[in-house]
Amino acid sequence: MPQVSVSGSEPLALSQDEKAFFGHLGARMAWLRKNQGITQVQMAEWLGVSRQTINAYEVLVMQMLAGVLARTNR
């Protein structure tokens, strides 16, 4: 089963459905960011996370935490 780190914690095993969900979420986030002409640095500053975290979300290295996800709805 695929594993994903949650903000630096121990890796969690993801089901296929969860992997598909977070993969789609990261790809959609990258598409929307690029479509708006926003860099990963700008997105990171807006969400209060690092550029590396944005990259990790977009390539499914790290699950997006609910608190960060809620901030995307501003």
C-alpha atoms as a PDB file:
ATOM      1  CA  MET A   1       0.000   0.000   0.000  1.00  0.00           C
ATOM      2  CA  PRO A   2       1.387   3.506  -0.831  1.00  0.00           C
ATOM      3  CA  GLN A   3       2.642   5.594   2.048  1.00  0.00           C
ATOM      4  CA  VAL A   4       2.502   9.351   2.472  1.00  0.00           C
ATOM      5  CA  SER A   5       4.048  11.523   5.161  1.00  0.00           C
ATOM      6  CA  VAL A   6       1.760  13.923   7.009  1.00  0.00           C
ATOM      7  CA  SER A   7       3.777  17.082   7.658  1.00  0.00           C
ATOM      8  CA  GLY A   8       6.950  15.307   8.706  1.00  0.00           C
ATOM      9  CA  SER A   9       5.313  12.599  10.810  1.00  0.00           C
ATOM     10  CA  GLU A  10       5.651   8.870  10.284  1.00  0.00           C
ATOM     11  CA  PRO A  11       4.360   7.704   6.879  1.00  0.00           C
ATOM     12  CA  LEU A  12       0.731   6.597   6.758  1.00  0.00           C
ATOM     13  CA  ALA A  13      -0.534   3.798   4.537  1.00  0.00           C
ATOM     14  CA  LEU A  14      -3.110   5.065   2.044  1.00  0.00           C
ATOM     15  CA  SER A  15      -5.850   3.059   0.393  1.00  0.00           C
ATOM     16  CA  GLN A  16      -6.112   3.198  -3.390  1.00  0.00           C
ATOM     17  CA  ASP A  17      -9.107   5.546  -3.051  1.00  0.00           C
ATOM     18  CA  GLU A  18      -7.175   7.872  -0.734  1.00  0.00           C
ATOM     19  CA  LYS A  19      -4.161   7.856  -3.036  1.00  0.00           C
ATOM     20  CA  ALA A  20      -6.414   8.711  -5.992  1.00  0.00           C
ATOM     21  CA  PHE A  21      -8.130  11.495  -4.018  1.00  0.00           C
ATOM     22  CA  PHE A  22      -4.906  13.147  -2.843  1.00  0.00           C
ATOM     23  CA  GLY A  23      -3.280  12.642  -6.246  1.00  0.00           C
ATOM     24  CA  HIS A  24      -6.215  14.396  -7.923  1.00  0.00           C
ATOM     25  CA  LEU A  25      -6.230  17.128  -5.266  1.00  0.00           C
ATOM     26  CA  GLY A  26      -2.514  17.833  -5.756  1.00  0.00           C
ATOM     27  CA  ALA A  27      -2.818  17.842  -9.551  1.00  0.00           C
ATOM     28  CA  ARG A  28      -5.836  20.158  -9.377  1.00  0.00           C
ATOM     29  CA  MET A  29      -4.008  22.466  -6.974  1.00  0.00           C
ATOM     30  CA  ALA A  30      -1.009  22.643  -9.352  1.00  0.00           C
ATOM     31  CA  TRP A  31      -3.253  23.254 -12.368  1.00  0.00           C
ATOM     32  CA  LEU A  32      -5.208  26.038 -10.651  1.00  0.00           C
ATOM     33  CA  ARG A  33      -2.025  27.650  -9.316  1.00  0.00           C
ATOM     34  CA  LYS A  34      -0.364  27.631 -12.748  1.00  0.00           C
ATOM     35  CA  ASN A  35      -3.565  28.759 -14.481  1.00  0.00           C
ATOM     36  CA  GLN A  36      -3.647  31.819 -12.214  1.00  0.00           C
ATOM     37  CA  GLY A  37       0.057  32.532 -12.800  1.00  0.00           C
ATOM     38  CA  ILE A  38       0.921  31.923  -9.148  1.00  0.00           C
ATOM     39  CA  THR A  39       4.300  30.491  -8.179  1.00  0.00           C
ATOM     40  CA  GLN A  40       4.746  27.828  -5.527  1.00  0.00           C
ATOM     41  CA  VAL A  41       6.456  30.485  -3.380  1.00  0.00           C
ATOM     42  CA  GLN A  42       3.442  32.829  -3.663  1.00  0.00           C
ATOM     43  CA  MET A  43       1.022  30.006  -2.900  1.00  0.00           C
ATOM     44  CA  ALA A  44       3.111  28.940   0.084  1.00  0.00           C
ATOM     45  CA  GLU A  45       3.188  32.458   1.512  1.00  0.00           C
ATOM     46  CA  TRP A  46      -0.577  32.799   1.034  1.00  0.00           C
ATOM     47  CA  LEU A  47      -1.238  29.497   2.817  1.00  0.00           C
ATOM     48  CA  GLY A  48       1.419  29.978   5.495  1.00  0.00           C
ATOM     49  CA  VAL A  49       3.488  26.923   4.547  1.00  0.00           C
ATOM     50  CA  SER A  50       6.861  26.408   2.833  1.00  0.00           C
ATOM     51  CA  ARG A  51       7.414  26.152  -0.922  1.00  0.00           C
ATOM     52  CA  GLN A  52       8.642  22.622  -0.329  1.00  0.00           C
ATOM     53  CA  THR A  53       5.296  21.771   1.289  1.00  0.00           C
ATOM     54  CA  ILE A  54       3.383  23.061  -1.752  1.00  0.00           C
ATOM     55  CA  ASN A  55       5.591  20.940  -3.990  1.00  0.00           C
ATOM     56  CA  ALA A  56       5.054  17.906  -1.751  1.00  0.00           C
ATOM     57  CA  TYR A  57       1.261  18.369  -1.939  1.00  0.00           C
ATOM     58  CA  GLU A  58       1.376  18.685  -5.720  1.00  0.00           C
ATOM     59  CA  VAL A  59       3.399  15.496  -6.238  1.00  0.00           C
ATOM     60  CA  LEU A  60       1.706  13.491  -3.424  1.00  0.00           C
ATOM     61  CA  VAL A  61       4.685  13.223  -1.121  1.00  0.00           C
ATOM     62  CA  MET A  62       2.624  14.700   1.703  1.00  0.00           C
ATOM     63  CA  GLN A  63      -1.102  14.686   2.468  1.00  0.00           C
ATOM     64  CA  MET A  64      -2.669  18.116   2.757  1.00  0.00           C
ATOM     65  CA  LEU A  65      -3.712  18.793   6.331  1.00  0.00           C
ATOM     66  CA  ALA A  66      -7.310  19.884   6.904  1.00  0.00           C
ATOM     67  CA  GLY A  67      -6.224  23.274   8.300  1.00  0.00           C
ATOM     68  CA  VAL A  68      -4.266  24.088   5.149  1.00  0.00           C
ATOM     69  CA  LEU A  69      -7.072  22.782   2.953  1.00  0.00           C
ATOM     70  CA  ALA A  70      -9.507  25.117   4.720  1.00  0.00           C
ATOM     71  CA  ARG A  71      -7.199  28.102   4.016  1.00  0.00           C
ATOM     72  CA  THR A  72      -7.394  27.390   0.270  1.00  0.00           C
ATOM     73  CA  ASN A  73     -11.055  28.390   0.379  1.00  0.00           C
ATOM     74  CA  ARG A  74     -10.288  32.075   1.067  1.00  0.00           C
END
